[in-house]
Amino acid sequence: MTFRIVVSILLTALCLDSLWAQGSSSIAQGGGEPSYRMAFFNMENLFDTRRDTLHNDEAFTPEGDRHWTHQKMDSKMNLFWKTVSAMGVETGTLVQFPAVIGLAEIENEWVLRTLCRSYPLGRNYAWLHFESPDARGVDCAMLYDKNQFIPFDAHPIRVSDSSVGFFTRDILAVGGVFVATGDTAFLFVCHFPSRLGGEVADRRRVEIANRLRGMMDSLSTACPRSLVLAMGDFNSDPRSEPMRRLCDEERVCNMMSQLPRGEGSYKYQGQWDYLDQIVYCGNGSRLVPVDVGVLRHPALLVDDPRYQGVKPKRTYNGFRYQGGLSDHLPVYVDLLSVR
């Protein structure tokens, strides 16, 4: 584990008892059992329009192959917030939007700042992000509703290997507290190496999964009352070797294993699968999963004439702009705080 993770564990252990007491008081005052929706979404190339000479982003500029413009970026961001709105849950007379949204394929902090400050719903959210060594310049990030979740630590976990020229997205690690209940959580946002990388990428996914599992085990042992959860595009289906290394369905559970086969968040050559997954390690946490799903909103789908049915509506079909949001669908889990 990194030094900062150890520091986070120690800080959490010192304040956990008081946070637990605050949470019990909050539940009693609220007269119910609060819940939180946690979501993840691979945004498929959310770039700004400027050329970054340090990364391979020239296609996503006005002069590039995709003729990427501010208007197209604005349309993609607007559709994202409509999607977040569709993920809202009615709680009495109010609508509660996701407490945390993990993101993949975000170019930089400027994109996140624009995403949060230029749209009404976005103003409820703040962001966490670090630059990673990915060749295209895309990173993991996290949005969090400031009224539902307060982070106390965030840092990147480097999983690239510069000695052999292997560069990929960092894992984003976040520690925080849920406002209504005082429950503590350690969260990981992941985007594992692409399946197009051949045997090297296959091996790296297994190595990263082993490392992530070790961190999750250490955190749940050191802070047994805390939620430990990983979300991301693992570029592996739930039955693959990397996910078997990460999940044992006893201590660490892959939430997507509860969903029907033949469905999923990503469609390739006519086959749906769950590349986007949420992995839960509750241990002694009061936050327990009560629902998991994939958002299949009509605005996110388009007819699939080649393989029949529907498929995710991408921003581009090849080089042809079609105005969709992503080749992935968002996934979510609902956590209920129980006594």
C-alpha atoms as a PDB file:
ATOM      1  CA  MET A   1       0.000   0.000   0.000  1.00  0.00           C
ATOM      2  CA  THR A   2       1.089   3.596  -0.535  1.00  0.00           C
ATOM      3  CA  PHE A   3       2.017   5.858   2.357  1.00  0.00           C
ATOM      4  CA  ARG A   4      -1.090   7.990   1.873  1.00  0.00           C
ATOM      5  CA  ILE A   5      -3.391   4.979   2.083  1.00  0.00           C
ATOM      6  CA  VAL A   6      -1.770   4.010   5.394  1.00  0.00           C
ATOM      7  CA  VAL A   7      -2.283   7.555   6.661  1.00  0.00           C
ATOM      8  CA  SER A   8      -5.940   7.409   5.593  1.00  0.00           C
ATOM      9  CA  ILE A   9      -6.419   4.131   7.460  1.00  0.00           C
ATOM     10  CA  LEU A  10      -4.929   5.540  10.647  1.00  0.00           C
ATOM     11  CA  LEU A  11      -6.974   8.738  10.465  1.00  0.00           C
ATOM     12  CA  THR A  12     -10.132   6.753   9.870  1.00  0.00           C
ATOM     13  CA  ALA A  13      -9.433   4.351  12.724  1.00  0.00           C
ATOM     14  CA  LEU A  14      -8.950   7.282  15.121  1.00  0.00           C
ATOM     15  CA  CYS A  15     -12.234   8.998  14.243  1.00  0.00           C
ATOM     16  CA  LEU A  16     -14.390   5.992  13.366  1.00  0.00           C
ATOM     17  CA  ASP A  17     -16.120   5.629  16.733  1.00  0.00           C
ATOM     18  CA  SER A  18     -17.278   9.263  16.739  1.00  0.00           C
ATOM     19  CA  LEU A  19     -18.432   9.005  13.125  1.00  0.00           C
ATOM     20  CA  TRP A  20     -20.395   5.867  14.012  1.00  0.00           C
ATOM     21  CA  ALA A  21     -22.128   7.685  16.862  1.00  0.00           C
ATOM     22  CA  GLN A  22     -22.973  10.633  14.604  1.00  0.00           C
ATOM     23  CA  GLY A  23     -24.433   8.231  12.069  1.00  0.00           C
ATOM     24  CA  SER A  24     -26.696   6.580  14.642  1.00  0.00           C
ATOM     25  CA  SER A  25     -27.960   9.979  15.755  1.00  0.00           C
ATOM     26  CA  SER A  26     -28.637  11.038  12.175  1.00  0.00           C
ATOM     27  CA  ILE A  27     -30.657   7.909  11.442  1.00  0.00           C
ATOM     28  CA  ALA A  28     -32.716   8.361  14.596  1.00  0.00           C
ATOM     29  CA  GLN A  29     -33.436  12.003  13.784  1.00  0.00           C
ATOM     30  CA  GLY A  30     -34.331  11.197  10.198  1.00  0.00           C
ATOM     31  CA  GLY A  31     -36.819   8.546  11.223  1.00  0.00           C
ATOM     32  CA  GLY A  32     -35.665   6.132   8.526  1.00  0.00           C
ATOM     33  CA  GLU A  33     -32.762   4.350   6.921  1.00  0.00           C
ATOM     34  CA  PRO A  34     -30.874   6.617   4.482  1.00  0.00           C
ATOM     35  CA  SER A  35     -29.679   5.243   1.166  1.00  0.00           C
ATOM     36  CA  TYR A  36     -27.079   6.313  -1.369  1.00  0.00           C
ATOM     37  CA  ARG A  37     -26.817   5.610  -5.071  1.00  0.00           C
ATOM     38  CA  MET A  38     -23.277   4.984  -6.359  1.00  0.00           C
ATOM     39  CA  ALA A  39     -22.777   5.092 -10.124  1.00  0.00           C
ATOM     40  CA  PHE A  40     -20.038   4.555 -12.678  1.00  0.00           C
ATOM     41  CA  PHE A  41     -19.899   5.680 -16.299  1.00  0.00           C
ATOM     42  CA  ASN A  42     -17.266   5.319 -19.010  1.00  0.00           C
ATOM     43  CA  MET A  43     -17.752   8.602 -20.882  1.00  0.00           C
ATOM     44  CA  GLU A  44     -15.954   7.431 -24.058  1.00  0.00           C
ATOM     45  CA  ASN A  45     -13.602  10.254 -24.950  1.00  0.00           C
ATOM     46  CA  LEU A  46     -14.786  13.336 -23.081  1.00  0.00           C
ATOM     47  CA  PHE A  47     -12.134  15.675 -24.473  1.00  0.00           C
ATOM     48  CA  ASP A  48     -11.828  19.413 -24.612  1.00  0.00           C
ATOM     49  CA  THR A  49     -11.235  20.941 -28.062  1.00  0.00           C
ATOM     50  CA  ARG A  50      -7.645  22.049 -27.556  1.00  0.00           C
ATOM     51  CA  ARG A  51      -4.538  20.266 -28.790  1.00  0.00           C
ATOM     52  CA  ASP A  52      -2.352  18.804 -26.040  1.00  0.00           C
ATOM     53  CA  THR A  53       1.070  18.134 -27.538  1.00  0.00           C
ATOM     54  CA  LEU A  54       1.914  15.739 -24.668  1.00  0.00           C
ATOM     55  CA  HIS A  55      -0.892  13.320 -25.572  1.00  0.00           C
ATOM     56  CA  ASN A  56      -2.457  11.737 -28.642  1.00  0.00           C
ATOM     57  CA  ASP A  57      -5.601  13.857 -28.677  1.00  0.00           C
ATOM     58  CA  GLU A  58      -5.340  15.478 -32.103  1.00  0.00           C
ATOM     59  CA  ALA A  59      -8.420  13.615 -33.409  1.00  0.00           C
ATOM     60  CA  PHE A  60     -10.553  15.465 -30.844  1.00  0.00           C
ATOM     61  CA  THR A  61      -9.882  18.984 -32.086  1.00  0.00           C
ATOM     62  CA  PRO A  62     -11.813  21.052 -34.637  1.00  0.00           C
ATOM     63  CA  GLU A  63      -9.124  20.302 -37.229  1.00  0.00           C
ATOM     64  CA  GLY A  64      -8.825  16.611 -36.329  1.00  0.00           C
ATOM     65  CA  ASP A  65     -10.352  13.528 -37.931  1.00  0.00           C
ATOM     66  CA  ARG A  66     -13.453  13.787 -35.760  1.00  0.00           C
ATOM     67  CA  HIS A  67     -13.893  17.552 -36.131  1.00  0.00           C
ATOM     68  CA  TRP A  68     -14.546  17.857 -32.417  1.00  0.00           C
ATOM     69  CA  THR A  69     -16.076  21.246 -31.566  1.00  0.00           C
ATOM     70  CA  HIS A  70     -17.301  23.064 -28.478  1.00  0.00           C
ATOM     71  CA  GLN A  71     -20.897  22.521 -29.646  1.00  0.00           C
ATOM     72  CA  LYS A  72     -20.387  18.754 -29.787  1.00  0.00           C
ATOM     73  CA  MET A  73     -18.701  18.776 -26.391  1.00  0.00           C
ATOM     74  CA  ASP A  74     -21.577  20.801 -24.937  1.00  0.00           C
ATOM     75  CA  SER A  75     -24.102  18.360 -26.396  1.00  0.00           C
ATOM     76  CA  LYS A  76     -22.257  15.409 -24.838  1.00  0.00           C
ATOM     77  CA  MET A  77     -22.076  17.098 -21.437  1.00  0.00           C
ATOM     78  CA  ASN A  78     -25.742  18.092 -21.554  1.00  0.00           C
ATOM     79  CA  LEU A  79     -26.721  14.502 -22.355  1.00  0.00           C
ATOM     80  CA  PHE A  80     -24.589  13.312 -19.442  1.00  0.00           C
ATOM     81  CA  TRP A  81     -26.550  15.456 -16.982  1.00  0.00           C
ATOM     82  CA  LYS A  82     -29.833  14.260 -18.456  1.00  0.00           C
ATOM     83  CA  THR A  83     -28.554  10.753 -17.757  1.00  0.00           C
ATOM     84  CA  VAL A  84     -27.670  11.663 -14.165  1.00  0.00           C
ATOM     85  CA  SER A  85     -31.141  13.144 -13.792  1.00  0.00           C
ATOM     86  CA  ALA A  86     -32.620   9.841 -15.002  1.00  0.00           C
ATOM     87  CA  MET A  87     -30.660   8.087 -12.251  1.00  0.00           C
ATOM     88  CA  GLY A  88     -32.317  10.200  -9.571  1.00  0.00           C
ATOM     89  CA  VAL A  89     -34.384   8.413  -6.933  1.00  0.00           C
ATOM     90  CA  GLU A  90     -37.559   9.923  -5.506  1.00  0.00           C
ATOM     91  CA  THR A  91     -37.424  10.276  -1.721  1.00  0.00           C
ATOM     92  CA  GLY A  92     -40.734  11.727  -0.607  1.00  0.00           C
ATOM     93  CA  THR A  93     -41.154  15.088  -2.321  1.00  0.00           C
ATOM     94  CA  LEU A  94     -37.488  15.288  -3.327  1.00  0.00           C
ATOM     95  CA  VAL A  95     -35.309  13.602  -5.930  1.00  0.00           C
ATOM     96  CA  GLN A  96     -31.995  12.277  -4.634  1.00  0.00           C
ATOM     97  CA  PHE A  97     -29.312  12.092  -7.308  1.00  0.00           C
ATOM     98  CA  PRO A  98     -26.269   9.791  -7.118  1.00  0.00           C
ATOM     99  CA  ALA A  99     -24.020  10.549  -4.174  1.00  0.00           C
ATOM    100  CA  VAL A 100     -20.921   9.465  -6.083  1.00  0.00           C
ATOM    101  CA  ILE A 101     -20.298   9.049  -9.821  1.00  0.00           C
ATOM    102  CA  GLY A 102     -17.076   7.385 -10.928  1.00  0.00           C
ATOM    103  CA  LEU A 103     -15.957   8.380 -14.430  1.00  0.00           C
ATOM    104  CA  ALA A 104     -13.545   6.988 -17.011  1.00  0.00           C
ATOM    105  CA  GLU A 105     -12.101   8.565 -20.173  1.00  0.00           C
ATOM    106  CA  ILE A 106     -11.995  12.138 -18.890  1.00  0.00           C
ATOM    107  CA  GLU A 107      -9.241  14.229 -20.467  1.00  0.00           C
ATOM    108  CA  ASN A 108      -8.435  16.761 -17.764  1.00  0.00           C
ATOM    109  CA  GLU A 109      -9.580  18.968 -14.920  1.00  0.00           C
ATOM    110  CA  TRP A 110     -10.783  21.699 -17.294  1.00  0.00           C
ATOM    111  CA  VAL A 111     -13.337  19.255 -18.691  1.00  0.00           C
ATOM    112  CA  LEU A 112     -14.542  18.414 -15.176  1.00  0.00           C
ATOM    113  CA  ARG A 113     -14.733  22.063 -14.165  1.00  0.00           C
ATOM    114  CA  THR A 114     -16.820  22.822 -17.244  1.00  0.00           C
ATOM    115  CA  LEU A 115     -18.969  19.749 -16.635  1.00  0.00           C
ATOM    116  CA  CYS A 116     -19.803  20.816 -13.083  1.00  0.00           C
ATOM    117  CA  ARG A 117     -20.008  24.594 -13.346  1.00  0.00           C
ATOM    118  CA  SER A 118     -21.767  25.110 -16.685  1.00  0.00           C
ATOM    119  CA  TYR A 119     -24.903  23.029 -16.075  1.00  0.00           C
ATOM    120  CA  PRO A 120     -27.535  23.482 -13.331  1.00  0.00           C
ATOM    121  CA  LEU A 121     -27.425  19.944 -11.921  1.00  0.00           C
ATOM    122  CA  GLY A 122     -23.627  19.948 -12.080  1.00  0.00           C
ATOM    123  CA  ARG A 123     -23.423  22.712  -9.490  1.00  0.00           C
ATOM    124  CA  ASN A 124     -24.426  20.185  -6.825  1.00  0.00           C
ATOM    125  CA  TYR A 125     -21.238  18.258  -7.574  1.00  0.00           C
ATOM    126  CA  ALA A 126     -17.511  18.683  -7.020  1.00  0.00           C
ATOM    127  CA  TRP A 127     -14.808  16.604  -8.654  1.00  0.00           C
ATOM    128  CA  LEU A 128     -11.632  14.659  -7.906  1.00  0.00           C
ATOM    129  CA  HIS A 129      -9.038  14.002 -10.596  1.00  0.00           C
ATOM    130  CA  PHE A 130      -5.311  13.436 -11.164  1.00  0.00           C
ATOM    131  CA  GLU A 131      -3.382  13.301 -14.424  1.00  0.00           C
ATOM    132  CA  SER A 132      -2.211   9.811 -15.371  1.00  0.00           C
ATOM    133  CA  PRO A 133       0.377   8.634 -17.932  1.00  0.00           C
ATOM    134  CA  ASP A 134      -2.140   7.226 -20.423  1.00  0.00           C
ATOM    135  CA  ALA A 135      -0.919   7.915 -23.967  1.00  0.00           C
ATOM    136  CA  ARG A 136      -4.213   9.449 -25.069  1.00  0.00           C
ATOM    137  CA  GLY A 137      -4.457  11.553 -21.945  1.00  0.00           C
ATOM    138  CA  VAL A 138      -7.666  10.045 -20.544  1.00  0.00           C
ATOM    139  CA  ASP A 139      -8.037   9.524 -16.811  1.00  0.00           C
ATOM    140  CA  CYS A 140     -10.365   8.307 -14.098  1.00  0.00           C
ATOM    141  CA  ALA A 141     -12.265  10.890 -12.077  1.00  0.00           C
ATOM    142  CA  MET A 142     -15.004  11.131  -9.486  1.00  0.00           C
ATOM    143  CA  LEU A 143     -17.957  13.464  -9.065  1.00  0.00           C
ATOM    144  CA  TYR A 144     -19.574  13.672  -5.651  1.00  0.00           C
ATOM    145  CA  ASP A 145     -22.690  15.421  -4.389  1.00  0.00           C
ATOM    146  CA  LYS A 146     -21.388  17.864  -1.800  1.00  0.00           C
ATOM    147  CA  ASN A 147     -24.544  17.434   0.275  1.00  0.00           C
ATOM    148  CA  GLN A 148     -24.180  13.650   0.461  1.00  0.00           C
ATOM    149  CA  PHE A 149     -20.454  12.825   0.546  1.00  0.00           C
ATOM    150  CA  ILE A 150     -17.355  14.574   1.918  1.00  0.00           C
ATOM    151  CA  PRO A 151     -13.912  13.251   0.881  1.00  0.00           C
ATOM    152  CA  PHE A 152     -11.058  13.424   3.378  1.00  0.00           C
ATOM    153  CA  ASP A 153      -8.372  11.952   1.109  1.00  0.00           C
ATOM    154  CA  ALA A 154      -7.828  11.375  -2.602  1.00  0.00           C
ATOM    155  CA  HIS A 155      -4.802  10.218  -4.538  1.00  0.00           C
ATOM    156  CA  PRO A 156      -3.820   8.263  -7.663  1.00  0.00           C
ATOM    157  CA  ILE A 157      -2.426   4.735  -7.575  1.00  0.00           C
ATOM    158  CA  ARG A 158       0.067   4.267 -10.381  1.00  0.00           C
ATOM    159  CA  VAL A 159      -0.334   0.925 -12.176  1.00  0.00           C
ATOM    160  CA  SER A 160       1.831   1.687 -15.225  1.00  0.00           C
ATOM    161  CA  ASP A 161       5.317   0.244 -15.687  1.00  0.00           C
ATOM    162  CA  SER A 162       7.668   2.763 -17.284  1.00  0.00           C
ATOM    163  CA  SER A 163      10.544   0.259 -17.267  1.00  0.00           C
ATOM    164  CA  VAL A 164       8.873  -1.683 -20.080  1.00  0.00           C
ATOM    165  CA  GLY A 165       7.038   1.246 -21.669  1.00  0.00           C
ATOM    166  CA  PHE A 166       3.604   0.197 -20.411  1.00  0.00           C
ATOM    167  CA  PHE A 167       1.391   3.187 -19.590  1.00  0.00           C
ATOM    168  CA  THR A 168      -2.234   3.085 -18.546  1.00  0.00           C
ATOM    169  CA  ARG A 169      -4.763   4.904 -16.415  1.00  0.00           C
ATOM    170  CA  ASP A 170      -4.094   5.325 -12.692  1.00  0.00           C
ATOM    171  CA  ILE A 171      -6.615   4.042 -10.183  1.00  0.00           C
ATOM    172  CA  LEU A 172      -8.279   6.892  -8.300  1.00  0.00           C
ATOM    173  CA  ALA A 173      -8.481   6.154  -4.564  1.00  0.00           C
ATOM    174  CA  VAL A 174     -10.810   8.224  -2.371  1.00  0.00           C
ATOM    175  CA  GLY A 175     -11.641   8.132   1.318  1.00  0.00           C
ATOM    176  CA  GLY A 176     -14.713   9.974   2.534  1.00  0.00           C
ATOM    177  CA  VAL A 177     -17.720  10.195   4.815  1.00  0.00           C
ATOM    178  CA  PHE A 178     -21.410  10.092   3.928  1.00  0.00           C
ATOM    179  CA  VAL A 179     -23.047  13.190   5.366  1.00  0.00           C
ATOM    180  CA  ALA A 180     -26.421  11.857   6.518  1.00  0.00           C
ATOM    181  CA  THR A 181     -25.104   8.853   8.445  1.00  0.00           C
ATOM    182  CA  GLY A 182     -21.414   9.426   9.153  1.00  0.00           C
ATOM    183  CA  ASP A 183     -20.510   6.142   7.453  1.00  0.00           C
ATOM    184  CA  THR A 184     -16.932   6.009   6.207  1.00  0.00           C
ATOM    185  CA  ALA A 185     -16.054   4.693   2.749  1.00  0.00           C
ATOM    186  CA  PHE A 186     -12.925   3.899   0.775  1.00  0.00           C
ATOM    187  CA  LEU A 187     -13.643   4.035  -2.952  1.00  0.00           C
ATOM    188  CA  PHE A 188     -11.592   3.056  -6.008  1.00  0.00           C
ATOM    189  CA  VAL A 189     -12.353   4.201  -9.569  1.00  0.00           C
ATOM    190  CA  CYS A 190     -10.691   1.973 -12.171  1.00  0.00           C
ATOM    191  CA  HIS A 191     -10.156   1.717 -15.910  1.00  0.00           C
ATOM    192  CA  PHE A 192      -8.139  -1.426 -16.570  1.00  0.00           C
ATOM    193  CA  PRO A 193      -5.970  -1.799 -19.708  1.00  0.00           C
ATOM    194  CA  SER A 194      -7.804  -2.356 -22.982  1.00  0.00           C
ATOM    195  CA  ARG A 195      -8.406  -5.858 -24.301  1.00  0.00           C
ATOM    196  CA  LEU A 196      -6.798  -4.678 -27.554  1.00  0.00           C
ATOM    197  CA  GLY A 197      -3.400  -4.790 -25.851  1.00  0.00           C
ATOM    198  CA  GLY A 198      -2.964  -8.556 -26.360  1.00  0.00           C
ATOM    199  CA  GLU A 199      -1.185 -10.855 -23.911  1.00  0.00           C
ATOM    200  CA  VAL A 200       0.684  -8.007 -22.228  1.00  0.00           C
ATOM    201  CA  ALA A 201      -2.562  -6.217 -21.370  1.00  0.00           C
ATOM    202  CA  ASP A 202      -4.148  -9.515 -20.276  1.00  0.00           C
ATOM    203  CA  ARG A 203      -1.318 -10.105 -17.841  1.00  0.00           C
ATOM    204  CA  ARG A 204      -1.451  -6.519 -16.594  1.00  0.00           C
ATOM    205  CA  ARG A 205      -5.160  -6.750 -15.844  1.00  0.00           C
ATOM    206  CA  VAL A 206      -4.522  -9.777 -13.653  1.00  0.00           C
ATOM    207  CA  GLU A 207      -1.657  -8.012 -11.875  1.00  0.00           C
ATOM    208  CA  ILE A 208      -3.726  -4.885 -11.263  1.00  0.00           C
ATOM    209  CA  ALA A 209      -6.656  -6.965 -10.009  1.00  0.00           C
ATOM    210  CA  ASN A 210      -4.361  -8.738  -7.523  1.00  0.00           C
ATOM    211  CA  ARG A 211      -3.010  -5.413  -6.312  1.00  0.00           C
ATOM    212  CA  LEU A 212      -6.479  -3.895  -5.963  1.00  0.00           C
ATOM    213  CA  ARG A 213      -7.718  -6.910  -4.029  1.00  0.00           C
ATOM    214  CA  GLY A 214      -4.801  -6.583  -1.642  1.00  0.00           C
ATOM    215  CA  MET A 215      -5.626  -2.942  -0.957  1.00  0.00           C
ATOM    216  CA  MET A 216      -9.314  -3.715  -0.429  1.00  0.00           C
ATOM    217  CA  ASP A 217      -8.485  -6.519   2.002  1.00  0.00           C
ATOM    218  CA  SER A 218      -6.064  -4.313   3.962  1.00  0.00           C
ATOM    219  CA  LEU A 219      -8.561  -1.489   4.265  1.00  0.00           C
ATOM    220  CA  SER A 220     -11.456  -3.714   5.325  1.00  0.00           C
ATOM    221  CA  THR A 221      -9.239  -5.389   7.952  1.00  0.00           C
ATOM    222  CA  ALA A 222      -7.907  -2.112   9.351  1.00  0.00           C
ATOM    223  CA  CYS A 223     -11.314  -0.372   9.298  1.00  0.00           C
ATOM    224  CA  PRO A 224     -13.903  -3.147   9.583  1.00  0.00           C
ATOM    225  CA  ARG A 225     -16.848  -0.768   9.895  1.00  0.00           C
ATOM    226  CA  SER A 226     -15.994   1.075   6.689  1.00  0.00           C
ATOM    227  CA  LEU A 227     -17.379   0.440   3.239  1.00  0.00           C
ATOM    228  CA  VAL A 228     -14.735  -0.574   0.690  1.00  0.00           C
ATOM    229  CA  LEU A 229     -15.949  -0.412  -2.908  1.00  0.00           C
ATOM    230  CA  ALA A 230     -14.358  -0.483  -6.364  1.00  0.00           C
ATOM    231  CA  MET A 231     -16.106   0.620  -9.530  1.00  0.00           C
ATOM    232  CA  GLY A 232     -14.932   0.906 -13.080  1.00  0.00           C
ATOM    233  CA  ASP A 233     -14.462  -0.346 -16.595  1.00  0.00           C
ATOM    234  CA  PHE A 234     -12.433  -3.469 -15.891  1.00  0.00           C
ATOM    235  CA  ASN A 235     -12.229  -4.457 -19.576  1.00  0.00           C
ATOM    236  CA  SER A 236     -13.006  -7.970 -18.342  1.00  0.00           C
ATOM    237  CA  ASP A 237     -16.273  -9.822 -17.963  1.00  0.00           C
ATOM    238  CA  PRO A 238     -17.280 -11.011 -14.463  1.00  0.00           C
ATOM    239  CA  ARG A 239     -16.159 -14.593 -15.211  1.00  0.00           C
ATOM    240  CA  SER A 240     -12.678 -13.624 -16.446  1.00  0.00           C
ATOM    241  CA  GLU A 241      -9.407 -14.327 -14.662  1.00  0.00           C
ATOM    242  CA  PRO A 242      -8.845 -10.714 -13.473  1.00  0.00           C
ATOM    243  CA  MET A 243     -12.305 -10.557 -11.892  1.00  0.00           C
ATOM    244  CA  ARG A 244     -11.907 -13.995 -10.288  1.00  0.00           C
ATOM    245  CA  ARG A 245      -8.704 -12.702  -8.707  1.00  0.00           C
ATOM    246  CA  LEU A 246     -10.503  -9.596  -7.461  1.00  0.00           C
ATOM    247  CA  CYS A 247     -13.740 -11.209  -6.234  1.00  0.00           C
ATOM    248  CA  ASP A 248     -14.412 -14.356  -4.249  1.00  0.00           C
ATOM    249  CA  GLU A 249     -18.146 -13.672  -3.714  1.00  0.00           C
ATOM    250  CA  GLU A 250     -17.672 -14.115   0.030  1.00  0.00           C
ATOM    251  CA  ARG A 251     -15.475 -11.320   1.317  1.00  0.00           C
ATOM    252  CA  VAL A 252     -15.446  -9.315  -1.926  1.00  0.00           C
ATOM    253  CA  CYS A 253     -18.570  -9.527  -4.074  1.00  0.00           C
ATOM    254  CA  ASN A 254     -18.994  -8.578  -7.733  1.00  0.00           C
ATOM    255  CA  MET A 255     -22.425  -6.958  -7.787  1.00  0.00           C
ATOM    256  CA  MET A 256     -22.845  -7.686 -11.502  1.00  0.00           C
ATOM    257  CA  SER A 257     -22.900 -11.413 -10.773  1.00  0.00           C
ATOM    258  CA  GLN A 258     -26.472 -10.869  -9.563  1.00  0.00           C
ATOM    259  CA  LEU A 259     -27.642  -9.577 -12.952  1.00  0.00           C
ATOM    260  CA  PRO A 260     -28.911 -11.744 -15.841  1.00  0.00           C
ATOM    261  CA  ARG A 261     -26.458 -13.098 -18.374  1.00  0.00           C
ATOM    262  CA  GLY A 262     -27.088 -11.968 -21.910  1.00  0.00           C
ATOM    263  CA  GLU A 263     -27.444  -8.371 -20.774  1.00  0.00           C
ATOM    264  CA  GLY A 264     -24.761  -5.865 -19.854  1.00  0.00           C
ATOM    265  CA  SER A 265     -23.289  -2.380 -20.091  1.00  0.00           C
ATOM    266  CA  TYR A 266     -21.328  -2.913 -23.316  1.00  0.00           C
ATOM    267  CA  LYS A 267     -22.115  -4.645 -26.599  1.00  0.00           C
ATOM    268  CA  TYR A 268     -19.446  -6.143 -28.863  1.00  0.00           C
ATOM    269  CA  GLN A 269     -20.267  -8.019 -32.068  1.00  0.00           C
ATOM    270  CA  GLY A 270     -23.827  -8.542 -30.932  1.00  0.00           C
ATOM    271  CA  GLN A 271     -22.965  -9.804 -27.434  1.00  0.00           C
ATOM    272  CA  TRP A 272     -23.796  -7.839 -24.288  1.00  0.00           C
ATOM    273  CA  ASP A 273     -21.514  -8.142 -21.259  1.00  0.00           C
ATOM    274  CA  TYR A 274     -20.642  -6.356 -18.026  1.00  0.00           C
ATOM    275  CA  LEU A 275     -17.270  -4.717 -18.599  1.00  0.00           C
ATOM    276  CA  ASP A 276     -18.422  -1.984 -16.202  1.00  0.00           C
ATOM    277  CA  GLN A 277     -18.731  -3.426 -12.728  1.00  0.00           C
ATOM    278  CA  ILE A 278     -19.091  -2.508  -9.071  1.00  0.00           C
ATOM    279  CA  VAL A 279     -17.241  -4.587  -6.494  1.00  0.00           C
ATOM    280  CA  TYR A 280     -18.393  -4.462  -2.873  1.00  0.00           C
ATOM    281  CA  CYS A 281     -16.515  -5.301   0.305  1.00  0.00           C
ATOM    282  CA  GLY A 282     -18.819  -4.423   3.176  1.00  0.00           C
ATOM    283  CA  ASN A 283     -17.284  -6.509   5.965  1.00  0.00           C
ATOM    284  CA  GLY A 284     -18.834  -4.866   9.061  1.00  0.00           C
ATOM    285  CA  SER A 285     -20.128  -1.751   7.300  1.00  0.00           C
ATOM    286  CA  ARG A 286     -23.674  -0.573   7.936  1.00  0.00           C
ATOM    287  CA  LEU A 287     -23.943   0.269   4.215  1.00  0.00           C
ATOM    288  CA  VAL A 288     -25.345  -2.791   2.468  1.00  0.00           C
ATOM    289  CA  PRO A 289     -26.284  -3.154  -1.219  1.00  0.00           C
ATOM    290  CA  VAL A 290     -30.002  -3.478  -1.880  1.00  0.00           C
ATOM    291  CA  ASP A 291     -30.120  -2.986  -5.647  1.00  0.00           C
ATOM    292  CA  VAL A 292     -27.771  -3.018  -8.620  1.00  0.00           C
ATOM    293  CA  GLY A 293     -28.450  -2.262 -12.253  1.00  0.00           C
ATOM    294  CA  VAL A 294     -27.582  -0.860 -15.640  1.00  0.00           C
ATOM    295  CA  LEU A 295     -29.378   2.271 -16.816  1.00  0.00           C
ATOM    296  CA  ARG A 296     -30.949   1.382 -20.172  1.00  0.00           C
ATOM    297  CA  HIS A 297     -32.561   4.730 -20.911  1.00  0.00           C
ATOM    298  CA  PRO A 298     -33.891   5.084 -24.494  1.00  0.00           C
ATOM    299  CA  ALA A 299     -31.780   8.216 -25.053  1.00  0.00           C
ATOM    300  CA  LEU A 300     -28.641   6.117 -24.494  1.00  0.00           C
ATOM    301  CA  LEU A 301     -29.587   3.427 -27.043  1.00  0.00           C
ATOM    302  CA  VAL A 302     -29.911   3.099 -30.796  1.00  0.00           C
ATOM    303  CA  ASP A 303     -31.147   0.328 -33.079  1.00  0.00           C
ATOM    304  CA  ASP A 304     -28.565  -2.313 -33.982  1.00  0.00           C
ATOM    305  CA  PRO A 305     -29.423  -3.329 -37.555  1.00  0.00           C
ATOM    306  CA  ARG A 306     -26.449  -5.675 -37.910  1.00  0.00           C
ATOM    307  CA  TYR A 307     -26.959  -7.770 -34.778  1.00  0.00           C
ATOM    308  CA  GLN A 308     -30.588  -6.860 -34.017  1.00  0.00           C
ATOM    309  CA  GLY A 309     -31.963  -5.315 -30.870  1.00  0.00           C
ATOM    310  CA  VAL A 310     -30.318  -2.154 -29.570  1.00  0.00           C
ATOM    311  CA  LYS A 311     -26.821  -1.000 -28.673  1.00  0.00           C
ATOM    312  CA  PRO A 312     -25.342   2.013 -26.856  1.00  0.00           C
ATOM    313  CA  LYS A 313     -25.599   5.213 -28.879  1.00  0.00           C
ATOM    314  CA  ARG A 314     -22.037   6.434 -29.298  1.00  0.00           C
ATOM    315  CA  THR A 315     -20.911   9.978 -29.918  1.00  0.00           C
ATOM    316  CA  TYR A 316     -19.319   8.736 -33.144  1.00  0.00           C
ATOM    317  CA  ASN A 317     -20.099   5.694 -35.250  1.00  0.00           C
ATOM    318  CA  GLY A 318     -16.662   5.270 -36.755  1.00  0.00           C
ATOM    319  CA  PHE A 319     -15.866   8.813 -37.879  1.00  0.00           C
ATOM    320  CA  ARG A 320     -19.508   9.756 -38.402  1.00  0.00           C
ATOM    321  CA  TYR A 321     -20.943  11.955 -35.672  1.00  0.00           C
ATOM    322  CA  GLN A 322     -24.246  10.614 -34.348  1.00  0.00           C
ATOM    323  CA  GLY A 323     -24.612  12.661 -31.155  1.00  0.00           C
ATOM    324  CA  GLY A 324     -24.819   9.888 -28.576  1.00  0.00           C
ATOM    325  CA  LEU A 325     -23.111   9.791 -25.199  1.00  0.00           C
ATOM    326  CA  SER A 326     -20.963   6.641 -25.001  1.00  0.00           C
ATOM    327  CA  ASP A 327     -20.393   3.067 -26.151  1.00  0.00           C
ATOM    328  CA  HIS A 328     -20.982   2.074 -22.516  1.00  0.00           C
ATOM    329  CA  LEU A 329     -24.082   2.298 -20.331  1.00  0.00           C
ATOM    330  CA  PRO A 330     -23.876   3.563 -16.737  1.00  0.00           C
ATOM    331  CA  VAL A 331     -24.035   1.079 -13.881  1.00  0.00           C
ATOM    332  CA  TYR A 332     -25.131   1.735 -10.311  1.00  0.00           C
ATOM    333  CA  VAL A 333     -25.629   0.205  -6.893  1.00  0.00           C
ATOM    334  CA  ASP A 334     -27.934   1.409  -4.128  1.00  0.00           C
ATOM    335  CA  LEU A 335     -26.563   1.212  -0.605  1.00  0.00           C
ATOM    336  CA  LEU A 336     -28.848   1.215   2.413  1.00  0.00           C
ATOM    337  CA  SER A 337     -27.598   2.290   5.817  1.00  0.00           C
ATOM    338  CA  VAL A 338     -28.912  -0.203   8.369  1.00  0.00           C
ATOM    339  CA  ARG A 339     -28.524  -0.275  12.121  1.00  0.00           C
END
